Protein backbone atom coordinates (compact mmCIF):
# COMPACT_ATOMS: atom_id res chain seq x y z
CA MET A 1 146.65 -16.72 110.58
CA LYS A 2 148.71 -19.57 109.15
CA ALA A 3 147.39 -21.73 106.32
CA GLY A 4 145.70 -24.90 107.44
CA HIS A 5 144.63 -23.50 110.78
CA ILE A 6 141.49 -25.02 112.31
CA LEU A 7 138.83 -22.75 113.73
CA LEU A 8 136.20 -24.15 116.08
CA PHE A 9 133.14 -21.96 116.61
CA GLU A 10 130.95 -22.50 119.65
CA GLY A 11 127.65 -20.90 120.62
CA SER A 12 125.61 -20.75 123.80
CA ASN A 13 124.10 -24.24 123.52
CA GLN A 14 125.68 -26.52 126.15
CA GLY A 15 125.69 -29.55 123.88
CA GLU A 16 127.34 -27.57 121.10
CA CYS A 17 130.04 -26.28 123.45
CA ALA A 18 130.73 -29.80 124.69
CA LEU A 19 131.06 -31.09 121.13
CA ILE A 20 133.51 -28.36 120.18
CA THR A 21 135.64 -29.19 123.23
CA ALA A 22 135.55 -32.89 122.30
CA PHE A 23 136.43 -32.10 118.69
CA ALA A 24 139.52 -30.22 119.87
CA GLU A 25 140.52 -33.23 121.99
CA GLY A 26 140.13 -35.48 118.96
CA LEU A 27 142.44 -33.24 116.94
CA LYS A 28 145.10 -33.44 119.66
CA CYS A 29 145.17 -37.22 119.20
CA TYR A 30 146.82 -36.49 115.86
CA GLY A 31 149.03 -33.65 116.99
CA LEU A 32 146.76 -30.95 115.53
CA SER A 33 145.97 -27.67 117.26
CA SER A 34 142.95 -25.44 116.90
CA ASP A 35 141.46 -22.21 118.17
CA THR A 36 138.01 -22.04 119.73
CA VAL A 37 136.10 -18.85 118.99
CA SER A 38 132.78 -17.77 120.46
CA LYS A 39 130.17 -17.11 117.80
CA THR A 40 129.46 -13.80 119.50
CA ALA A 41 133.02 -12.74 118.60
CA TYR A 42 132.75 -13.88 114.99
CA SER A 43 134.10 -11.74 112.17
CA PRO A 44 134.55 -12.68 108.50
CA ASP A 45 138.21 -11.65 108.84
CA LEU A 46 138.75 -14.69 111.09
CA LEU A 47 138.30 -16.94 108.05
CA LYS A 48 141.21 -15.44 106.11
CA GLY A 49 143.92 -18.06 105.87
CA ALA A 50 141.85 -20.68 107.66
CA GLY A 51 142.17 -24.20 106.32
CA LEU A 52 139.08 -25.50 108.04
CA LEU A 53 136.29 -24.24 110.25
CA VAL A 54 133.94 -26.30 112.37
CA THR A 55 130.54 -25.03 113.41
CA GLY A 56 127.11 -26.38 114.18
CA ARG A 57 123.45 -25.52 114.66
CA LEU A 58 122.17 -23.34 111.85
CA ALA A 59 120.36 -21.18 114.40
CA SER A 60 123.66 -19.50 115.30
CA SER A 61 125.92 -20.35 112.36
CA GLU A 62 124.07 -19.00 109.33
CA GLN A 63 126.40 -16.07 108.61
CA ILE A 64 129.54 -18.10 109.34
CA LEU A 65 128.48 -20.71 106.79
CA LYS A 66 127.57 -18.14 104.15
CA ASP A 67 130.94 -16.42 104.58
CA ALA A 68 132.79 -19.74 104.41
CA GLN A 69 131.08 -20.56 101.14
CA ALA A 70 131.84 -17.08 99.77
CA GLN A 71 135.52 -17.34 100.76
CA ASN A 72 135.84 -20.94 99.52
CA VAL A 73 136.89 -22.23 102.95
CA ASN A 74 136.39 -25.87 103.89
CA PHE A 75 133.94 -26.32 106.74
CA VAL A 76 132.52 -29.10 108.87
CA TYR A 77 128.91 -28.64 109.91
CA PHE A 78 127.41 -30.62 112.78
CA ASP A 79 123.94 -31.05 114.25
CA LYS A 80 121.78 -33.69 115.89
CA GLY A 81 122.21 -37.15 114.42
CA TYR A 82 120.21 -38.78 111.67
CA THR A 83 119.24 -41.49 114.14
CA HIS A 84 119.43 -41.55 117.97
CA ARG A 85 119.15 -37.76 117.91
CA GLY A 86 119.70 -35.36 120.78
CA TRP A 87 122.21 -33.11 122.55
CA LYS A 88 122.92 -35.33 125.57
CA THR A 89 126.66 -35.75 125.19
CA LYS A 90 127.00 -38.06 128.19
CA ASN A 91 124.71 -40.66 126.62
CA PRO A 92 126.74 -43.03 124.41
CA GLU A 93 123.59 -43.90 122.46
CA VAL A 94 123.12 -40.31 121.26
CA TYR A 95 124.71 -39.47 117.90
CA PHE A 96 125.66 -36.25 116.13
CA ARG A 97 125.92 -35.83 112.38
CA PHE A 98 128.92 -34.25 110.67
CA SER A 99 129.16 -33.12 107.08
CA VAL A 100 131.93 -31.53 105.01
CA ASN A 101 131.03 -28.39 103.02
CA GLY A 102 127.27 -28.83 103.32
CA PHE A 103 124.38 -29.56 105.64
CA HIS A 104 124.36 -33.13 104.39
CA PRO A 105 127.22 -35.21 102.92
CA LEU A 106 125.43 -35.95 99.64
CA ASP A 107 128.44 -35.09 97.48
CA TYR A 108 130.59 -37.86 98.89
CA PHE A 109 129.06 -40.12 101.54
CA GLN A 110 128.55 -43.02 99.14
CA ASP A 111 131.83 -42.66 97.26
CA ILE A 112 133.29 -45.53 99.29
CA PRO A 113 130.92 -48.39 100.26
CA ARG A 114 130.96 -48.77 104.03
CA ARG A 115 130.75 -51.90 106.13
CA ALA A 116 127.68 -52.87 108.14
CA ASN A 117 129.41 -52.58 111.54
CA ARG A 118 128.27 -49.08 112.54
CA TRP A 119 124.73 -49.55 111.28
CA ASP A 120 124.36 -52.88 113.08
CA LYS A 121 125.46 -51.20 116.30
CA LEU A 122 122.49 -48.81 116.05
CA GLY A 123 120.01 -51.68 116.32
CA ILE A 124 117.61 -50.28 113.70
CA LEU A 125 115.65 -52.73 111.58
CA LEU A 126 114.89 -51.96 107.96
CA LYS A 127 111.17 -52.65 107.70
CA PRO A 128 109.78 -54.31 104.58
CA ARG A 129 108.11 -52.27 101.85
CA ARG A 130 104.72 -51.08 103.09
CA LYS A 131 101.81 -51.45 100.71
CA ASN A 132 98.20 -50.26 100.66
CA GLY A 133 98.94 -46.97 102.43
CA GLU A 134 96.35 -44.30 101.69
CA ASN A 135 97.85 -40.91 102.60
CA ILE A 136 100.47 -38.62 101.13
CA VAL A 137 102.42 -36.95 103.95
CA PHE A 138 104.12 -33.63 103.25
CA ALA A 139 106.77 -32.88 105.91
CA GLY A 140 107.78 -29.23 106.24
CA CYS A 141 111.10 -27.71 107.27
CA THR A 142 112.16 -25.20 109.88
CA HIS A 143 111.90 -21.47 109.26
CA LYS A 144 115.67 -21.15 109.77
CA PHE A 145 116.53 -23.71 107.13
CA ALA A 146 113.93 -22.34 104.71
CA ARG A 147 115.35 -18.85 105.07
CA PHE A 148 118.90 -20.10 104.49
CA SER A 149 117.68 -22.00 101.41
CA GLY A 150 115.93 -18.94 100.01
CA PHE A 151 112.22 -19.59 100.45
CA GLU A 152 109.34 -18.90 102.84
CA PRO A 153 108.19 -22.21 104.40
CA GLN A 154 104.42 -21.68 104.46
CA SER A 155 104.07 -20.53 100.87
CA TYR A 156 106.47 -23.28 99.79
CA ALA A 157 104.35 -25.89 101.59
CA GLU A 158 101.17 -24.56 99.97
CA ASN A 159 102.76 -24.67 96.51
CA ILE A 160 103.98 -28.24 96.97
CA VAL A 161 100.60 -29.41 98.27
CA HIS A 162 99.00 -27.84 95.20
CA GLU A 163 101.45 -29.67 92.94
CA ILE A 164 100.86 -32.98 94.72
CA ARG A 165 97.11 -32.52 94.29
CA SER A 166 97.57 -32.15 90.54
CA PHE A 167 98.85 -35.74 90.41
CA THR A 168 96.68 -37.57 92.94
CA LYS A 169 93.30 -37.62 94.66
CA ARG A 170 94.72 -39.26 97.79
CA PRO A 171 94.30 -37.60 101.21
CA ILE A 172 97.20 -35.26 101.95
CA VAL A 173 98.58 -34.86 105.46
CA TYR A 174 100.52 -31.67 106.17
CA ARG A 175 103.10 -32.17 108.91
CA PRO A 176 105.07 -29.02 109.86
CA LYS A 177 108.24 -29.30 111.90
CA PRO A 178 107.40 -30.03 115.58
CA SER A 179 109.36 -26.88 116.45
CA ASP A 180 106.74 -24.83 114.59
CA HIS A 181 104.51 -24.11 117.58
CA ASP A 182 101.90 -22.13 115.64
CA PRO A 183 101.36 -24.04 112.38
CA VAL A 184 99.01 -22.65 109.74
CA PRO A 185 96.68 -25.27 108.22
CA ILE A 186 96.62 -25.74 104.45
CA PRO A 187 93.26 -26.19 102.71
CA ASP A 188 92.50 -29.71 101.47
CA THR A 189 94.95 -31.28 103.95
CA ARG A 190 94.81 -32.74 107.43
CA LEU A 191 97.17 -30.98 109.81
CA SER A 192 99.44 -33.44 111.62
CA TYR A 193 100.95 -32.01 114.74
CA GLU A 194 101.84 -33.05 118.29
CA ASP A 195 98.90 -35.43 118.49
CA LYS A 196 100.75 -37.94 116.27
CA THR A 197 104.37 -38.96 115.81
CA ILE A 198 105.91 -39.35 112.37
CA GLU A 199 106.02 -43.10 113.00
CA GLU A 200 102.25 -43.14 113.48
CA GLU A 201 101.66 -41.11 110.34
CA LEU A 202 103.80 -43.51 108.31
CA LYS A 203 101.59 -46.48 109.19
CA ASN A 204 98.96 -45.45 106.63
CA CYS A 205 101.28 -43.60 104.27
CA HIS A 206 101.50 -44.26 100.53
CA ALA A 207 104.43 -41.84 100.14
CA LEU A 208 106.14 -39.02 102.04
CA VAL A 209 107.16 -35.74 100.40
CA THR A 210 109.61 -33.22 101.83
CA TYR A 211 112.24 -30.67 100.91
CA SER A 212 114.98 -32.12 103.11
CA SER A 213 113.44 -33.16 106.44
CA ASN A 214 114.79 -36.18 108.31
CA ALA A 215 111.27 -37.56 107.87
CA ALA A 216 112.36 -38.82 104.44
CA MET A 217 114.95 -41.03 106.11
CA ASP A 218 112.33 -42.20 108.62
CA ALA A 219 110.04 -43.10 105.73
CA VAL A 220 112.63 -45.13 103.82
CA LEU A 221 113.59 -47.03 106.98
CA ALA A 222 109.90 -47.73 107.63
CA GLY A 223 109.36 -49.13 104.12
CA VAL A 224 107.57 -46.06 102.73
CA PRO A 225 108.63 -44.38 99.45
CA ALA A 226 110.01 -40.87 99.88
CA PHE A 227 110.08 -37.88 97.55
CA VAL A 228 112.79 -35.33 98.30
CA LEU A 229 112.91 -31.93 96.60
CA GLY A 230 116.10 -30.63 98.26
CA PRO A 231 119.34 -31.82 99.92
CA SER A 232 117.98 -34.70 101.99
CA ILE A 233 120.22 -37.54 103.19
CA ALA A 234 117.56 -39.87 101.76
CA LYS A 235 117.96 -38.55 98.21
CA PRO A 236 120.00 -41.54 96.91
CA VAL A 237 117.09 -43.88 97.74
CA ALA A 238 114.20 -41.49 97.08
CA ASN A 239 112.11 -40.07 94.26
CA THR A 240 112.48 -36.50 93.00
CA ASP A 241 109.63 -36.18 90.48
CA LEU A 242 106.18 -35.63 92.00
CA ALA A 243 104.57 -36.76 88.75
CA GLN A 244 105.47 -40.30 89.90
CA ILE A 245 103.53 -39.98 93.17
CA GLU A 246 101.07 -42.78 92.28
CA SER A 247 103.79 -45.25 91.27
CA PRO A 248 106.88 -44.30 93.27
CA PHE A 249 110.27 -45.92 93.13
CA PHE A 250 111.41 -47.82 96.22
CA PRO A 251 115.00 -49.07 96.60
CA SER A 252 115.92 -52.73 96.53
CA ASP A 253 116.94 -54.39 99.78
CA SER A 254 120.61 -54.25 98.80
CA GLN A 255 120.40 -50.57 97.82
CA ARG A 256 118.69 -49.65 101.05
CA ARG A 257 121.13 -51.62 103.20
CA GLN A 258 124.20 -50.02 101.60
CA TRP A 259 122.67 -46.56 101.96
CA ALA A 260 122.04 -47.27 105.65
CA TYR A 261 125.61 -48.55 106.15
CA ASP A 262 127.00 -45.41 104.51
CA LEU A 263 124.70 -43.14 106.52
CA ALA A 264 125.97 -44.64 109.78
CA TYR A 265 129.46 -43.30 108.99
CA CYS A 266 128.07 -39.75 108.90
CA GLN A 267 127.16 -39.67 112.60
CA TRP A 268 129.26 -40.25 115.71
CA ASN A 269 128.80 -40.36 119.46
CA PHE A 270 130.56 -38.10 121.94
CA GLU A 271 133.35 -40.52 122.84
CA GLU A 272 134.17 -41.13 119.17
CA ILE A 273 134.47 -37.38 118.65
CA LYS A 274 136.73 -37.03 121.66
CA ASN A 275 139.03 -39.99 120.93
CA GLY A 276 139.73 -38.92 117.35
CA ALA A 277 137.72 -41.58 115.52
CA LEU A 278 135.55 -38.90 113.93
CA TRP A 279 138.58 -36.88 112.80
CA LYS A 280 140.25 -39.93 111.29
CA ASP A 281 137.21 -40.42 109.07
CA LEU A 282 136.72 -36.72 108.27
CA ASN A 283 140.36 -36.37 107.27
CA GLY A 284 139.85 -39.03 104.63
CA VAL A 285 136.74 -37.22 103.43
CA LEU A 286 138.61 -33.90 103.16
CA SER A 287 141.31 -35.49 101.03
CA ARG A 288 138.66 -36.82 98.63
CA VAL A 289 136.23 -33.93 98.49
CA ARG A 290 138.57 -31.01 97.89
CA PRO A 291 142.17 -32.30 98.11
CA GLU A 292 143.67 -28.95 97.17
CA LYS A 293 142.14 -27.46 100.34
CA SER A 294 143.08 -30.26 102.73
CA SER A 295 146.18 -29.60 104.84
CA PHE A 296 145.52 -32.08 107.63
CA SER A 297 146.81 -35.43 106.42
CA PHE A 298 148.46 -37.71 108.95
CA SER A 299 150.08 -41.12 109.12
CA SER A 300 148.03 -43.83 110.73
């Protein structure tokens, strides 16, 4: 396989397949070719000589991503967007997030301050700082992501709740991922499940704690301080030390706005993927993140 070749991996999910097809179309806009490979036909040998691989949905990409990291191959990971989430590719208001060499673009997404244009298009208001909230919300993660990150989600949640309790007497709300259809309650917490949305839980929330759930982003947008203990997109505007749970940091208006502007350049709708707008941005990212591995530069 020639150096710089682009491998696109697709699974059985219809939305994922559509995105891979659109990604290939976007590459053609710049005269770049690629090979699409079914994840069922995956072999680590396929990565040898590859300049870039593109794959999404951790549920079917775990081994591909681990092998890419082991072989030091650039990859682009995609999943449902940070905002306007879903898999409905025909809806222009649905967005999909893309990240180079990680689940989230924390290593680079704020290297270059972005303009407000993409964020303004989303129509999301940054709510003022909420005060007088009573509860601490702990938002769990999926079993798949926990396994990939090297821990068991239930025992991790119990340990974090115990640590939170050592710093506060506030009521603690345990909110597992909605995809966890058989959640196990944690003593000394209220279990938040399908009866309430995250937006409802944030209304009386003093602070939200999570490993890397999107709930941290929801909290910051809603004016609630967030504590992130892993690779969350909200980390630049969040707390990381649970000892500060009673007096958490909250970003200034200018900090929060710039973070939101930068975040909006990490997610794209289907048409932007297909017409090459996504690739134009990713190509710039690749040249900054690991320039020695980037073989896809083009003239604009």
